[in-house]
Amino acid sequence: MLRFFKKERSPENLKELIKEFKELKEEIERLSQEVEEIKRKNKFTIQKVGIVRFNPFKEMGGNQSFSLALLDEENNGVVITSLYSKEGNRIYAKPIIQEKSEYYLSKEEVEAIQKAQKKWKTNQKT
């Protein structure tokens, strides 16, 4: 990367200097293309995470159940809900497309999605 700055020998004439600037320009263009490709791919990575812990059953103590939203930049992803009870644990996953689901979303799942978005917006400002 940027070999120009790592050279031990200085250009001896204008022709060599122009050649090195041309190489530097090509390297910068290549790096710019790589950055754009990384940005394009990054849109589809998990960037927004929100979790809500709750107690769905009055007879159980503690907030052992949770809803976890995992979303990309375009608000696509999944919300995972774990319901803990005396009889066992149930886990549900619902696909999310543009912050909506074709399946019914509980208030905790909606809250997890909203938390993920709010936290992401806050992080974007800093």
Protein backbone atom coordinates (compact mmCIF):
# COMPACT_ATOMS: atom_id res chain seq x y z
CA MET A 1 0.00 0.00 0.00
CA LEU A 2 1.17 3.49 -0.84
CA ARG A 3 4.62 2.38 -1.84
CA PHE A 4 5.39 5.99 -2.67
CA PHE A 5 5.96 6.83 1.00
CA LYS A 6 8.06 3.74 1.67
CA LYS A 7 10.73 4.38 -0.95
CA GLU A 8 14.21 4.86 0.37
CA ARG A 9 15.45 6.60 -2.74
CA SER A 10 14.21 10.03 -3.83
CA PRO A 11 13.35 10.70 -7.47
CA GLU A 12 16.37 12.13 -9.26
CA ASN A 13 14.58 14.06 -11.97
CA LEU A 14 11.19 15.39 -13.01
CA LYS A 15 10.47 12.35 -15.18
CA GLU A 16 10.89 9.99 -12.20
CA LEU A 17 8.80 12.26 -10.00
CA ILE A 18 5.96 12.30 -12.56
CA LYS A 19 6.16 8.52 -12.83
CA GLU A 20 5.90 8.15 -9.06
CA PHE A 21 2.94 10.55 -8.90
CA LYS A 22 1.23 8.54 -11.63
CA GLU A 23 1.79 5.33 -9.62
CA LEU A 24 0.48 7.07 -6.53
CA LYS A 25 -2.62 8.23 -8.39
CA GLU A 26 -3.27 4.67 -9.64
CA GLU A 27 -2.83 3.32 -6.11
CA ILE A 28 -5.29 5.89 -4.72
CA GLU A 29 -7.82 5.04 -7.44
CA ARG A 30 -7.46 1.32 -6.63
CA LEU A 31 -7.91 1.99 -2.91
CA SER A 32 -10.95 4.18 -3.60
CA GLN A 33 -12.54 1.35 -5.56
CA GLU A 34 -11.84 -1.06 -2.70
CA VAL A 35 -13.39 1.34 -0.18
CA GLU A 36 -16.51 1.68 -2.34
CA GLU A 37 -16.81 -2.11 -2.60
CA ILE A 38 -16.43 -2.46 1.18
CA LYS A 39 -19.10 0.20 1.73
CA ARG A 40 -21.44 -1.58 -0.70
CA LYS A 41 -20.98 -4.93 1.04
CA ASN A 42 -21.20 -3.37 4.49
CA LYS A 43 -24.83 -2.36 3.89
CA PHE A 44 -25.76 -6.02 4.31
CA THR A 45 -23.91 -6.70 7.56
CA ILE A 46 -25.49 -6.58 11.00
CA GLN A 47 -25.18 -2.97 12.10
CA LYS A 48 -28.13 -2.47 14.39
CA VAL A 49 -28.62 -4.51 17.56
CA GLY A 50 -31.35 -4.06 20.13
CA ILE A 51 -32.32 -6.28 23.05
CA VAL A 52 -35.29 -6.21 25.42
CA ARG A 53 -35.49 -8.47 28.45
CA PHE A 54 -38.91 -9.15 29.92
CA ASN A 55 -41.04 -11.43 32.10
CA PRO A 56 -43.99 -12.85 30.11
CA PHE A 57 -45.34 -14.98 32.97
CA LYS A 58 -46.33 -13.53 36.32
CA GLU A 59 -45.45 -16.70 38.24
CA MET A 60 -41.80 -16.64 37.13
CA GLY A 61 -39.24 -14.36 38.72
CA GLY A 62 -36.72 -12.27 36.83
CA ASN A 63 -36.56 -11.16 33.25
CA GLN A 64 -35.31 -14.42 31.75
CA SER A 65 -37.07 -13.94 28.40
CA PHE A 66 -35.75 -11.63 25.69
CA SER A 67 -36.23 -10.28 22.17
CA LEU A 68 -33.12 -9.55 20.14
CA ALA A 69 -33.21 -7.54 16.89
CA LEU A 70 -30.31 -7.90 14.42
CA LEU A 71 -30.63 -5.53 11.44
CA ASP A 72 -28.54 -4.30 8.53
CA GLU A 73 -28.33 -0.72 7.26
CA GLU A 74 -31.61 -1.10 5.34
CA ASN A 75 -33.50 -2.48 8.39
CA ASN A 76 -33.51 -6.05 7.11
CA GLY A 77 -32.58 -8.94 9.36
CA VAL A 78 -34.14 -11.02 12.10
CA VAL A 79 -35.72 -10.67 15.50
CA ILE A 80 -35.14 -13.60 17.86
CA THR A 81 -37.34 -14.10 20.90
CA SER A 82 -36.71 -16.50 23.75
CA LEU A 83 -39.61 -17.26 26.10
CA TYR A 84 -38.47 -18.86 29.34
CA SER A 85 -40.96 -20.77 31.52
CA LYS A 86 -40.97 -23.52 34.16
CA GLU A 87 -41.64 -26.11 31.46
CA GLY A 88 -38.75 -25.03 29.24
CA ASN A 89 -37.53 -22.47 26.81
CA ARG A 90 -39.06 -21.60 23.43
CA ILE A 91 -37.15 -19.69 20.78
CA TYR A 92 -38.73 -17.94 17.82
CA ALA A 93 -37.06 -16.19 14.87
CA LYS A 94 -38.92 -13.84 12.56
CA PRO A 95 -37.49 -12.34 9.39
CA ILE A 96 -37.53 -8.56 9.19
CA ILE A 97 -37.72 -6.69 5.88
CA GLN A 98 -37.52 -2.89 6.08
CA GLU A 99 -38.35 -3.09 9.81
CA LYS A 100 -41.55 -5.06 9.21
CA SER A 101 -42.36 -8.76 9.37
CA GLU A 102 -44.97 -10.90 7.70
CA TYR A 103 -45.46 -12.45 11.15
CA TYR A 104 -47.07 -10.79 14.13
CA LEU A 105 -44.52 -8.89 16.21
CA SER A 106 -44.98 -8.66 19.96
CA LYS A 107 -44.52 -5.32 21.71
CA GLU A 108 -41.12 -6.53 22.98
CA GLU A 109 -40.01 -7.44 19.45
CA VAL A 110 -41.10 -4.03 18.13
CA GLU A 111 -39.27 -2.39 21.04
CA ALA A 112 -36.08 -4.36 20.27
CA ILE A 113 -36.24 -3.18 16.63
CA GLN A 114 -36.78 0.42 17.74
CA LYS A 115 -33.88 0.18 20.21
CA ALA A 116 -31.59 -1.15 17.48
CA GLN A 117 -32.47 1.75 15.18
CA LYS A 118 -32.20 4.39 17.92
CA LYS A 119 -28.82 3.11 19.09
CA TRP A 120 -27.53 3.06 15.49
CA LYS A 121 -28.71 6.62 14.82
CA THR A 122 -27.01 7.77 18.02
CA ASN A 123 -23.76 6.08 16.99
CA GLN A 124 -23.92 7.67 13.51
CA LYS A 125 -23.90 11.16 15.05
CA THR A 126 -20.62 10.56 16.90
